[in-house]
Amino acid sequence: MKLYFVRHGESEANLIHEFSNRGSKHGLTPRGREQALALAERLREVPVRKLFTSPLLRAVQTAQVLSYAFEISYEVTDALREYDCGVLEGKSDEASWAFYTEVFEDWIKAGNWERRIEGGESFLDMQARFVPFVERLVEAYGGLSINIILVGHGGIYRCMLPLVLDNIDFDFIAENHLGNTDYVLAEVDQGRLRCLEWAGAPLR
């Protein structure tokens, strides 16, 4: 089994730098849709069998483009949703982003995984929904020759991929950004997931 952890295309929230991790306020920009179409073209030789997406509009619209291209349906799962930033939702000011960064670094550098932005999710909350979902996919399809696309978000991938990929850690995450419609390719190896490619760069 191979998993493609795809980040959604450029969204309206990306352009205005706004926290938008609830509901369906911000969809793809025209450029974001073009990015999704380009991703479908890059992967056109891949026989995709399953497609899952975060429920947030920008991810669903990305999945819709891929669904049409691969002629398969998509399934919405909360496991892939971007993490809730509580009272920062709807904000775009510099102080809010500085606080967001402070909490994120407290998670990955200090291991203060119970900390949360007021009204939002902790690292452990994300882990409780994301990791079991990936583990279920490995258990169900790990021994099969099957390709699965997961459409999610940069924040949750930065936090969670080091927990499910054997050869990725937080130091790597800090140095390697995932742009819009970049993907991480992982393959099951002896029951565990190993990263084969990160944003177009192969890993050993």
Foldseek 3Di string as FASTA:
>chain_A
DKEKAWEFFAKPCNVLQAAAQDDADIAHDPRRLVLLLVLLVVCVVPQADAEEEEPYRRGVSSSVNNCVSNVHDYYYDNLQGAWFQAPRHGPRDPVSVVVVVVLVCCCQPVVPQCDGRVGTDGLVVSCVRHVVVVLVCCVVDQVHPHYYYYYHHQRSCLSPVCVQAVPDGNVNSVVAGAHHGFIWMWHADPSGIHTQDGRHRGDD
